[in-house]
Amino acid sequence: MTIEILHFEGCPNHAHALQVVRDVLRDLRIDASIREVEVKGAEDASRLRFFGSPTIQIDGMDIDPAVRGRSDYSFSCRMYGKTGTPPRDLIERAIRERMRA
């Protein structure tokens, strides 16, 4: 399992998102590779299926099922409800989903 955290330089939510991913993996006792990927512009955003910073993908799939069919990629900040950091339960559900696949 490879988890990618896509972000742009200076993203205020990148470090917290990375820590939440690490915490979930530790708590679930899962060994996974974490890659941090810097997105540098709109072209990267489109190529990487980037919905804003931070975007977390597991084996190339976004953690949020609600965006998986979308293509409105954006070089911008990403919101998860009212916060810029994805909720722990969204990350955990996506990891469990990938493990079942």
PDB file of N, CA and C in Angstrom:
ATOM      1  N   MET A   1       0.845  -1.170   0.000  1.00  0.00           N
ATOM      2  CA  MET A   1       0.000   0.000   0.000  1.00  0.00           C
ATOM      3  C   MET A   1       0.896   1.240   0.000  1.00  0.00           C
ATOM      4  N   THR A   2       0.602   2.147  -0.918  1.00  0.00           N
ATOM      5  CA  THR A   2       1.330   3.408  -0.971  1.00  0.00           C
ATOM      6  C   THR A   2       0.356   4.546  -0.747  1.00  0.00           C
ATOM      7  N   ILE A   3       0.682   5.373   0.205  1.00  0.00           N
ATOM      8  CA  ILE A   3      -0.141   6.538   0.514  1.00  0.00           C
ATOM      9  C   ILE A   3       0.633   7.768   0.071  1.00  0.00           C
ATOM     10  N   GLU A   4      -0.006   8.568  -0.770  1.00  0.00           N
ATOM     11  CA  GLU A   4       0.614   9.797  -1.234  1.00  0.00           C
ATOM     12  C   GLU A   4      -0.130  10.985  -0.640  1.00  0.00           C
ATOM     13  N   ILE A   5       0.646  11.914  -0.130  1.00  0.00           N
ATOM     14  CA  ILE A   5       0.094  13.165   0.371  1.00  0.00           C
ATOM     15  C   ILE A   5       0.541  14.248  -0.590  1.00  0.00           C
ATOM     16  N   LEU A   6      -0.393  14.681  -1.405  1.00  0.00           N
ATOM     17  CA  LEU A   6      -0.116  15.706  -2.406  1.00  0.00           C
ATOM     18  C   LEU A   6      -0.388  17.068  -1.784  1.00  0.00           C
ATOM     19  N   HIS A   7       0.535  17.985  -2.003  1.00  0.00           N
ATOM     20  CA  HIS A   7       0.415  19.300  -1.364  1.00  0.00           C
ATOM     21  C   HIS A   7       1.197  20.312  -2.174  1.00  0.00           C
ATOM     22  N   PHE A   8       0.931  21.579  -1.916  1.00  0.00           N
ATOM     23  CA  PHE A   8       1.781  22.612  -2.500  1.00  0.00           C
ATOM     24  C   PHE A   8       2.629  23.216  -1.401  1.00  0.00           C
ATOM     25  N   GLU A   9       3.745  23.791  -1.796  1.00  0.00           N
ATOM     26  CA  GLU A   9       4.673  24.382  -0.835  1.00  0.00           C
ATOM     27  C   GLU A   9       3.949  25.449  -0.016  1.00  0.00           C
ATOM     28  N   GLY A  10       4.126  25.376   1.291  1.00  0.00           N
ATOM     29  CA  GLY A  10       3.529  26.351   2.186  1.00  0.00           C
ATOM     30  C   GLY A  10       2.126  26.006   2.650  1.00  0.00           C
ATOM     31  N   CYS A  11       1.607  24.859   2.261  1.00  0.00           N
ATOM     32  CA  CYS A  11       0.259  24.466   2.684  1.00  0.00           C
ATOM     33  C   CYS A  11       0.206  24.393   4.214  1.00  0.00           C
ATOM     34  N   PRO A  12      -0.704  25.128   4.844  1.00  0.00           N
ATOM     35  CA  PRO A  12      -0.767  25.130   6.305  1.00  0.00           C
ATOM     36  C   PRO A  12      -1.326  23.836   6.896  1.00  0.00           C
ATOM     37  N   ASN A  13      -1.907  22.966   6.068  1.00  0.00           N
ATOM     38  CA  ASN A  13      -2.525  21.737   6.579  1.00  0.00           C
ATOM     39  C   ASN A  13      -1.747  20.472   6.248  1.00  0.00           C
ATOM     40  N   HIS A  14      -0.680  20.613   5.493  1.00  0.00           N
ATOM     41  CA  HIS A  14       0.105  19.455   5.056  1.00  0.00           C
ATOM     42  C   HIS A  14       0.671  18.665   6.240  1.00  0.00           C
ATOM     43  N   ALA A  15       1.352  19.335   7.147  1.00  0.00           N
ATOM     44  CA  ALA A  15       2.015  18.631   8.260  1.00  0.00           C
ATOM     45  C   ALA A  15       1.004  17.907   9.139  1.00  0.00           C
ATOM     46  N   HIS A  16      -0.124  18.528   9.398  1.00  0.00           N
ATOM     47  CA  HIS A  16      -1.135  17.882  10.241  1.00  0.00           C
ATOM     48  C   HIS A  16      -1.736  16.671   9.540  1.00  0.00           C
ATOM     49  N   ALA A  17      -2.009  16.793   8.233  1.00  0.00           N
ATOM     50  CA  ALA A  17      -2.543  15.662   7.478  1.00  0.00           C
ATOM     51  C   ALA A  17      -1.560  14.489   7.498  1.00  0.00           C
ATOM     52  N   LEU A  18      -0.280  14.786   7.319  1.00  0.00           N
ATOM     53  CA  LEU A  18       0.756  13.750   7.366  1.00  0.00           C
ATOM     54  C   LEU A  18       0.762  13.062   8.728  1.00  0.00           C
ATOM     55  N   GLN A  19       0.642  13.833   9.795  1.00  0.00           N
ATOM     56  CA  GLN A  19       0.652  13.252  11.140  1.00  0.00           C
ATOM     57  C   GLN A  19      -0.572  12.371  11.373  1.00  0.00           C
ATOM     58  N   VAL A  20      -1.724  12.801  10.887  1.00  0.00           N
ATOM     59  CA  VAL A  20      -2.936  11.987  11.049  1.00  0.00           C
ATOM     60  C   VAL A  20      -2.787  10.659  10.310  1.00  0.00           C
ATOM     61  N   VAL A  21      -2.244  10.696   9.103  1.00  0.00           N
ATOM     62  CA  VAL A  21      -2.009   9.461   8.348  1.00  0.00           C
ATOM     63  C   VAL A  21      -1.075   8.538   9.133  1.00  0.00           C
ATOM     64  N   ARG A  22       0.011   9.081   9.631  1.00  0.00           N
ATOM     65  CA  ARG A  22       0.958   8.267  10.423  1.00  0.00           C
ATOM     66  C   ARG A  22       0.284   7.677  11.660  1.00  0.00           C
ATOM     67  N   ASP A  23      -0.540   8.473  12.340  1.00  0.00           N
ATOM     68  CA  ASP A  23      -1.231   7.994  13.538  1.00  0.00           C
ATOM     69  C   ASP A  23      -2.186   6.850  13.204  1.00  0.00           C
ATOM     70  N   VAL A  24      -2.929   6.992  12.117  1.00  0.00           N
ATOM     71  CA  VAL A  24      -3.874   5.941  11.722  1.00  0.00           C
ATOM     72  C   VAL A  24      -3.118   4.652  11.389  1.00  0.00           C
ATOM     73  N   LEU A  25      -2.053   4.764  10.617  1.00  0.00           N
ATOM     74  CA  LEU A  25      -1.270   3.573  10.270  1.00  0.00           C
ATOM     75  C   LEU A  25      -0.710   2.900  11.521  1.00  0.00           C
ATOM     76  N   ARG A  26      -0.203   3.695  12.446  1.00  0.00           N
ATOM     77  CA  ARG A  26       0.340   3.142  13.690  1.00  0.00           C
ATOM     78  C   ARG A  26      -0.760   2.433  14.477  1.00  0.00           C
ATOM     79  N   ASP A  27      -1.906   3.089  14.633  1.00  0.00           N
ATOM     80  CA  ASP A  27      -2.993   2.518  15.428  1.00  0.00           C
ATOM     81  C   ASP A  27      -3.572   1.252  14.802  1.00  0.00           C
ATOM     82  N   LEU A  28      -3.577   1.189  13.471  1.00  0.00           N
ATOM     83  CA  LEU A  28      -4.082  -0.003  12.780  1.00  0.00           C
ATOM     84  C   LEU A  28      -2.998  -1.059  12.582  1.00  0.00           C
ATOM     85  N   ARG A  29      -1.788  -0.726  12.985  1.00  0.00           N
ATOM     86  CA  ARG A  29      -0.629  -1.616  12.823  1.00  0.00           C
ATOM     87  C   ARG A  29      -0.444  -2.033  11.353  1.00  0.00           C
ATOM     88  N   ILE A  30      -0.426  -1.013  10.499  1.00  0.00           N
ATOM     89  CA  ILE A  30      -0.261  -1.240   9.070  1.00  0.00           C
ATOM     90  C   ILE A  30       1.054  -0.623   8.633  1.00  0.00           C
ATOM     91  N   ASP A  31       1.801  -1.408   7.884  1.00  0.00           N
ATOM     92  CA  ASP A  31       3.050  -0.923   7.318  1.00  0.00           C
ATOM     93  C   ASP A  31       2.761  -0.477   5.893  1.00  0.00           C
ATOM     94  N   ALA A  32       2.881   0.809   5.651  1.00  0.00           N
ATOM     95  CA  ALA A  32       2.621   1.340   4.319  1.00  0.00           C
ATOM     96  C   ALA A  32       3.669   2.391   3.999  1.00  0.00           C
ATOM     97  N   SER A  33       3.911   2.556   2.735  1.00  0.00           N
ATOM     98  CA  SER A  33       4.834   3.572   2.269  1.00  0.00           C
ATOM     99  C   SER A  33       4.084   4.901   2.177  1.00  0.00           C
ATOM    100  N   ILE A  34       4.679   5.952   2.724  1.00  0.00           N
ATOM    101  CA  ILE A  34       4.101   7.294   2.629  1.00  0.00           C
ATOM    102  C   ILE A  34       5.013   8.138   1.753  1.00  0.00           C
ATOM    103  N   ARG A  35       4.432   8.728   0.720  1.00  0.00           N
ATOM    104  CA  ARG A  35       5.184   9.619  -0.170  1.00  0.00           C
ATOM    105  C   ARG A  35       4.557  11.007  -0.106  1.00  0.00           C
ATOM    106  N   GLU A  36       5.388  11.997   0.039  1.00  0.00           N
ATOM    107  CA  GLU A  36       4.925  13.371  -0.029  1.00  0.00           C
ATOM    108  C   GLU A  36       5.231  13.883  -1.431  1.00  0.00           C
ATOM    109  N   VAL A  37       4.219  14.396  -2.100  1.00  0.00           N
ATOM    110  CA  VAL A  37       4.350  14.827  -3.489  1.00  0.00           C
ATOM    111  C   VAL A  37       4.004  16.311  -3.562  1.00  0.00           C
ATOM    112  N   GLU A  38       4.980  17.108  -3.988  1.00  0.00           N
ATOM    113  CA  GLU A  38       4.724  18.535  -4.127  1.00  0.00           C
ATOM    114  C   GLU A  38       4.102  18.806  -5.491  1.00  0.00           C
ATOM    115  N   VAL A  39       2.976  19.486  -5.478  1.00  0.00           N
ATOM    116  CA  VAL A  39       2.268  19.886  -6.686  1.00  0.00           C
ATOM    117  C   VAL A  39       2.673  21.331  -6.956  1.00  0.00           C
ATOM    118  N   LYS A  40       3.128  21.595  -8.185  1.00  0.00           N
ATOM    119  CA  LYS A  40       3.725  22.898  -8.465  1.00  0.00           C
ATOM    120  C   LYS A  40       2.882  23.809  -9.350  1.00  0.00           C
ATOM    121  N   GLY A  41       1.742  23.376  -9.783  1.00  0.00           N
ATOM    122  CA  GLY A  41       0.904  24.231 -10.614  1.00  0.00           C
ATOM    123  C   GLY A  41      -0.298  23.490 -11.160  1.00  0.00           C
ATOM    124  N   ALA A  42      -1.067  24.186 -11.986  1.00  0.00           N
ATOM    125  CA  ALA A  42      -2.309  23.625 -12.526  1.00  0.00           C
ATOM    126  C   ALA A  42      -2.072  22.382 -13.384  1.00  0.00           C
ATOM    127  N   GLU A  43      -0.986  22.357 -14.124  1.00  0.00           N
ATOM    128  CA  GLU A  43      -0.693  21.186 -14.957  1.00  0.00           C
ATOM    129  C   GLU A  43      -0.454  19.952 -14.078  1.00  0.00           C
ATOM    130  N   ASP A  44       0.338  20.117 -13.017  1.00  0.00           N
ATOM    131  CA  ASP A  44       0.539  19.022 -12.062  1.00  0.00           C
ATOM    132  C   ASP A  44      -0.787  18.613 -11.434  1.00  0.00           C
ATOM    133  N   ALA A  45      -1.607  19.595 -11.064  1.00  0.00           N
ATOM    134  CA  ALA A  45      -2.883  19.307 -10.418  1.00  0.00           C
ATOM    135  C   ALA A  45      -3.740  18.396 -11.284  1.00  0.00           C
ATOM    136  N   SER A  46      -3.806  18.694 -12.556  1.00  0.00           N
ATOM    137  CA  SER A  46      -4.600  17.883 -13.470  1.00  0.00           C
ATOM    138  C   SER A  46      -3.999  16.490 -13.641  1.00  0.00           C
ATOM    139  N   ARG A  47      -2.697  16.430 -13.849  1.00  0.00           N
ATOM    140  CA  ARG A  47      -2.019  15.151 -14.077  1.00  0.00           C
ATOM    141  C   ARG A  47      -2.114  14.229 -12.863  1.00  0.00           C
ATOM    142  N   LEU A  48      -2.053  14.815 -11.662  1.00  0.00           N
ATOM    143  CA  LEU A  48      -2.019  14.030 -10.423  1.00  0.00           C
ATOM    144  C   LEU A  48      -3.406  13.840  -9.788  1.00  0.00           C
ATOM    145  N   ARG A  49      -4.448  14.363 -10.441  1.00  0.00           N
ATOM    146  CA  ARG A  49      -5.816  14.289  -9.893  1.00  0.00           C
ATOM    147  C   ARG A  49      -5.871  14.932  -8.502  1.00  0.00           C
ATOM    148  N   PHE A  50      -5.432  16.172  -8.468  1.00  0.00           N
ATOM    149  CA  PHE A  50      -5.264  16.941  -7.238  1.00  0.00           C
ATOM    150  C   PHE A  50      -6.466  17.857  -7.029  1.00  0.00           C
ATOM    151  N   PHE A  51      -7.190  17.631  -5.938  1.00  0.00           N
ATOM    152  CA  PHE A  51      -8.372  18.426  -5.627  1.00  0.00           C
ATOM    153  C   PHE A  51      -8.061  19.560  -4.666  1.00  0.00           C
ATOM    154  N   GLY A  52      -6.816  19.848  -4.468  1.00  0.00           N
ATOM    155  CA  GLY A  52      -6.402  20.892  -3.540  1.00  0.00           C
ATOM    156  C   GLY A  52      -5.505  20.320  -2.463  1.00  0.00           C
ATOM    157  N   SER A  53      -4.849  21.213  -1.771  1.00  0.00           N
ATOM    158  CA  SER A  53      -3.848  20.815  -0.785  1.00  0.00           C
ATOM    159  C   SER A  53      -4.426  20.833   0.621  1.00  0.00           C
ATOM    160  N   PRO A  54      -4.268  19.701   1.326  1.00  0.00           N
ATOM    161  CA  PRO A  54      -3.648  18.440   0.945  1.00  0.00           C
ATOM    162  C   PRO A  54      -4.665  17.464   0.351  1.00  0.00           C
ATOM    163  N   THR A  55      -4.216  16.698  -0.608  1.00  0.00           N
ATOM    164  CA  THR A  55      -4.989  15.596  -1.173  1.00  0.00           C
ATOM    165  C   THR A  55      -4.262  14.313  -0.798  1.00  0.00           C
ATOM    166  N   ILE A  56      -5.006  13.354  -0.279  1.00  0.00           N
ATOM    167  CA  ILE A  56      -4.411  12.075   0.113  1.00  0.00           C
ATOM    168  C   ILE A  56      -4.971  10.987  -0.791  1.00  0.00           C
ATOM    169  N   GLN A  57      -4.064  10.226  -1.380  1.00  0.00           N
ATOM    170  CA  GLN A  57      -4.441   9.116  -2.249  1.00  0.00           C
ATOM    171  C   GLN A  57      -3.804   7.826  -1.733  1.00  0.00           C
ATOM    172  N   ILE A  58      -4.566   6.763  -1.821  1.00  0.00           N
ATOM    173  CA  ILE A  58      -4.053   5.439  -1.447  1.00  0.00           C
ATOM    174  C   ILE A  58      -4.016   4.607  -2.721  1.00  0.00           C
ATOM    175  N   ASP A  59      -2.814   4.195  -3.096  1.00  0.00           N
ATOM    176  CA  ASP A  59      -2.611   3.461  -4.346  1.00  0.00           C
ATOM    177  C   ASP A  59      -3.296   4.186  -5.512  1.00  0.00           C
ATOM    178  N   GLY A  60      -3.158   5.509  -5.530  1.00  0.00           N
ATOM    179  CA  GLY A  60      -3.674   6.321  -6.612  1.00  0.00           C
ATOM    180  C   GLY A  60      -5.126   6.729  -6.516  1.00  0.00           C
ATOM    181  N   MET A  61      -5.826   6.294  -5.457  1.00  0.00           N
ATOM    182  CA  MET A  61      -7.241   6.605  -5.314  1.00  0.00           C
ATOM    183  C   MET A  61      -7.455   7.590  -4.162  1.00  0.00           C
ATOM    184  N   ASP A  62      -8.231   8.633  -4.417  1.00  0.00           N
ATOM    185  CA  ASP A  62      -8.510   9.631  -3.391  1.00  0.00           C
ATOM    186  C   ASP A  62      -9.205   8.979  -2.205  1.00  0.00           C
ATOM    187  N   ILE A  63      -8.913   9.474  -1.010  1.00  0.00           N
ATOM    188  CA  ILE A  63      -9.527   8.896   0.186  1.00  0.00           C
ATOM    189  C   ILE A  63     -11.013   9.212   0.290  1.00  0.00           C
ATOM    190  N   ASP A  64     -11.473  10.235  -0.432  1.00  0.00           N
ATOM    191  CA  ASP A  64     -12.876  10.647  -0.333  1.00  0.00           C
ATOM    192  C   ASP A  64     -13.668  10.073  -1.505  1.00  0.00           C
ATOM    193  N   PRO A  65     -14.541   9.115  -1.241  1.00  0.00           N
ATOM    194  CA  PRO A  65     -15.326   8.517  -2.328  1.00  0.00           C
ATOM    195  C   PRO A  65     -16.162   9.551  -3.087  1.00  0.00           C
ATOM    196  N   ALA A  66     -16.519  10.645  -2.450  1.00  0.00           N
ATOM    197  CA  ALA A  66     -17.372  11.660  -3.077  1.00  0.00           C
ATOM    198  C   ALA A  66     -16.693  12.373  -4.246  1.00  0.00           C
ATOM    199  N   VAL A  67     -15.361  12.348  -4.321  1.00  0.00           N
ATOM    200  CA  VAL A  67     -14.677  13.064  -5.399  1.00  0.00           C
ATOM    201  C   VAL A  67     -14.103  12.140  -6.472  1.00  0.00           C
ATOM    202  N   ARG A  68     -14.186  10.869  -6.268  1.00  0.00           N
ATOM    203  CA  ARG A  68     -13.516   9.928  -7.177  1.00  0.00           C
ATOM    204  C   ARG A  68     -14.007  10.001  -8.613  1.00  0.00           C
ATOM    205  N   GLY A  69     -15.224  10.395  -8.851  1.00  0.00           N
ATOM    206  CA  GLY A  69     -15.743  10.498 -10.208  1.00  0.00           C
ATOM    207  C   GLY A  69     -15.614  11.890 -10.804  1.00  0.00           C
ATOM    208  N   ARG A  70     -15.070  12.796 -10.047  1.00  0.00           N
ATOM    209  CA  ARG A  70     -14.954  14.188 -10.494  1.00  0.00           C
ATOM    210  C   ARG A  70     -13.650  14.425 -11.255  1.00  0.00           C
ATOM    211  N   SER A  71     -13.617  15.545 -11.969  1.00  0.00           N
ATOM    212  CA  SER A  71     -12.398  15.910 -12.690  1.00  0.00           C
ATOM    213  C   SER A  71     -12.111  17.409 -12.589  1.00  0.00           C
ATOM    214  N   ASP A  72     -12.670  18.058 -11.585  1.00  0.00           N
ATOM    215  CA  ASP A  72     -12.450  19.496 -11.404  1.00  0.00           C
ATOM    216  C   ASP A  72     -11.212  19.727 -10.525  1.00  0.00           C
ATOM    217  N   TYR A  73     -10.083  19.297 -11.030  1.00  0.00           N
ATOM    218  CA  TYR A  73      -8.830  19.395 -10.291  1.00  0.00           C
ATOM    219  C   TYR A  73      -8.453  20.859 -10.124  1.00  0.00           C
ATOM    220  N   SER A  74      -7.743  21.147  -9.024  1.00  0.00           N
ATOM    221  CA  SER A  74      -7.507  22.544  -8.708  1.00  0.00           C
ATOM    222  C   SER A  74      -6.217  22.734  -7.928  1.00  0.00           C
ATOM    223  N   PHE A  75      -5.454  23.722  -8.335  1.00  0.00           N
ATOM    224  CA  PHE A  75      -4.258  24.116  -7.586  1.00  0.00           C
ATOM    225  C   PHE A  75      -4.710  25.142  -6.558  1.00  0.00           C
ATOM    226  N   SER A  76      -5.183  24.633  -5.427  1.00  0.00           N
ATOM    227  CA  SER A  76      -5.787  25.478  -4.393  1.00  0.00           C
ATOM    228  C   SER A  76      -5.732  24.747  -3.052  1.00  0.00           C
ATOM    229  N   CYS A  77      -6.254  25.393  -2.027  1.00  0.00           N
ATOM    230  CA  CYS A  77      -6.416  24.719  -0.738  1.00  0.00           C
ATOM    231  C   CYS A  77      -7.634  23.804  -0.841  1.00  0.00           C
ATOM    232  N   ARG A  78      -7.592  22.721  -0.125  1.00  0.00           N
ATOM    233  CA  ARG A  78      -8.717  21.783  -0.115  1.00  0.00           C
ATOM    234  C   ARG A  78      -9.405  21.849   1.233  1.00  0.00           C
ATOM    235  N   MET A  79     -10.704  21.792   1.191  1.00  0.00           N
ATOM    236  CA  MET A  79     -11.476  21.784   2.428  1.00  0.00           C
ATOM    237  C   MET A  79     -12.162  20.428   2.589  1.00  0.00           C
ATOM    238  N   TYR A  80     -12.175  19.955   3.788  1.00  0.00           N
ATOM    239  CA  TYR A  80     -12.873  18.729   4.171  1.00  0.00           C
ATOM    240  C   TYR A  80     -13.937  19.177   5.168  1.00  0.00           C
ATOM    241  N   GLY A  81     -15.107  19.495   4.666  1.00  0.00           N
ATOM    242  CA  GLY A  81     -16.117  20.101   5.530  1.00  0.00           C
ATOM    243  C   GLY A  81     -15.683  21.522   5.869  1.00  0.00           C
ATOM    244  N   LYS A  82     -15.487  21.793   7.144  1.00  0.00           N
ATOM    245  CA  LYS A  82     -15.109  23.136   7.579  1.00  0.00           C
ATOM    246  C   LYS A  82     -13.640  23.254   7.949  1.00  0.00           C
ATOM    247  N   THR A  83     -12.847  22.225   7.631  1.00  0.00           N
ATOM    248  CA  THR A  83     -11.434  22.234   7.988  1.00  0.00           C
ATOM    249  C   THR A  83     -10.579  21.876   6.781  1.00  0.00           C
ATOM    250  N   GLY A  84      -9.321  22.246   6.853  1.00  0.00           N
ATOM    251  CA  GLY A  84      -8.401  21.952   5.760  1.00  0.00           C
ATOM    252  C   GLY A  84      -7.660  20.642   5.926  1.00  0.00           C
ATOM    253  N   THR A  85      -7.933  19.930   6.997  1.00  0.00           N
ATOM    254  CA  THR A  85      -7.297  18.633   7.237  1.00  0.00           C
ATOM    255  C   THR A  85      -8.360  17.549   7.151  1.00  0.00           C
ATOM    256  N   PRO A  86      -8.088  16.480   6.409  1.00  0.00           N
ATOM    257  CA  PRO A  86      -9.099  15.421   6.322  1.00  0.00           C
ATOM    258  C   PRO A  86      -9.335  14.787   7.687  1.00  0.00           C
ATOM    259  N   PRO A  87     -10.587  14.470   7.984  1.00  0.00           N
ATOM    260  CA  PRO A  87     -10.882  13.826   9.266  1.00  0.00           C
ATOM    261  C   PRO A  87     -10.254  12.445   9.356  1.00  0.00           C
ATOM    262  N   ARG A  88      -9.859  12.096  10.543  1.00  0.00           N
ATOM    263  CA  ARG A  88      -9.220  10.807  10.801  1.00  0.00           C
ATOM    264  C   ARG A  88     -10.084   9.649  10.293  1.00  0.00           C
ATOM    265  N   ASP A  89     -11.395   9.711  10.532  1.00  0.00           N
ATOM    266  CA  ASP A  89     -12.251   8.591  10.137  1.00  0.00           C
ATOM    267  C   ASP A  89     -12.301   8.419   8.617  1.00  0.00           C
ATOM    268  N   LEU A  90     -12.171   9.499   7.846  1.00  0.00           N
ATOM    269  CA  LEU A  90     -12.129   9.393   6.388  1.00  0.00           C
ATOM    270  C   LEU A  90     -10.866   8.660   5.951  1.00  0.00           C
ATOM    271  N   ILE A  91      -9.753   8.991   6.566  1.00  0.00           N
ATOM    272  CA  ILE A  91      -8.480   8.326   6.256  1.00  0.00           C
ATOM    273  C   ILE A  91      -8.544   6.852   6.643  1.00  0.00           C
ATOM    274  N   GLU A  92      -9.050   6.597   7.835  1.00  0.00           N
ATOM    275  CA  GLU A  92      -9.127   5.217   8.315  1.00  0.00           C
ATOM    276  C   GLU A  92     -10.046   4.367   7.432  1.00  0.00           C
ATOM    277  N   ARG A  93     -11.203   4.903   7.054  1.00  0.00           N
ATOM    278  CA  ARG A  93     -12.118   4.152   6.186  1.00  0.00           C
ATOM    279  C   ARG A  93     -11.469   3.839   4.835  1.00  0.00           C
ATOM    280  N   ALA A  94     -10.744   4.811   4.292  1.00  0.00           N
ATOM    281  CA  ALA A  94     -10.100   4.601   2.987  1.00  0.00           C
ATOM    282  C   ALA A  94      -9.003   3.526   3.083  1.00  0.00           C
ATOM    283  N   ILE A  95      -8.261   3.518   4.167  1.00  0.00           N
ATOM    284  CA  ILE A  95      -7.236   2.502   4.351  1.00  0.00           C
ATOM    285  C   ILE A  95      -7.866   1.119   4.495  1.00  0.00           C
ATOM    286  N   ARG A  96      -8.911   1.045   5.300  1.00  0.00           N
ATOM    287  CA  ARG A  96      -9.600  -0.248   5.473  1.00  0.00           C
ATOM    288  C   ARG A  96     -10.209  -0.725   4.149  1.00  0.00           C
ATOM    289  N   GLU A  97     -10.784   0.200   3.378  1.00  0.00           N
ATOM    290  CA  GLU A  97     -11.356  -0.138   2.081  1.00  0.00           C
ATOM    291  C   GLU A  97     -10.285  -0.718   1.158  1.00  0.00           C
ATOM    292  N   ARG A  98      -9.127  -0.090   1.145  1.00  0.00           N
ATOM    293  CA  ARG A  98      -8.030  -0.554   0.278  1.00  0.00           C
ATOM    294  C   ARG A  98      -7.536  -1.934   0.719  1.00  0.00           C
ATOM    295  N   MET A  99      -7.513  -2.166   2.024  1.00  0.00           N
ATOM    296  CA  MET A  99      -7.054  -3.462   2.532  1.00  0.00           C
ATOM    297  C   MET A  99      -8.006  -4.579   2.118  1.00  0.00           C
ATOM    298  N   ARG A 100      -9.304  -4.280   2.025  1.00  0.00           N
ATOM    299  CA  ARG A 100     -10.296  -5.290   1.621  1.00  0.00           C
ATOM    300  C   ARG A 100     -10.248  -5.564   0.128  1.00  0.00           C
ATOM    301  N   ALA A 101      -9.724  -4.616  -0.632  1.00  0.00           N
ATOM    302  CA  ALA A 101      -9.727  -4.754  -2.108  1.00  0.00           C
ATOM    303  C   ALA A 101      -8.740  -5.811  -2.583  1.00  0.00           C
TER     304      ALA A 101
END
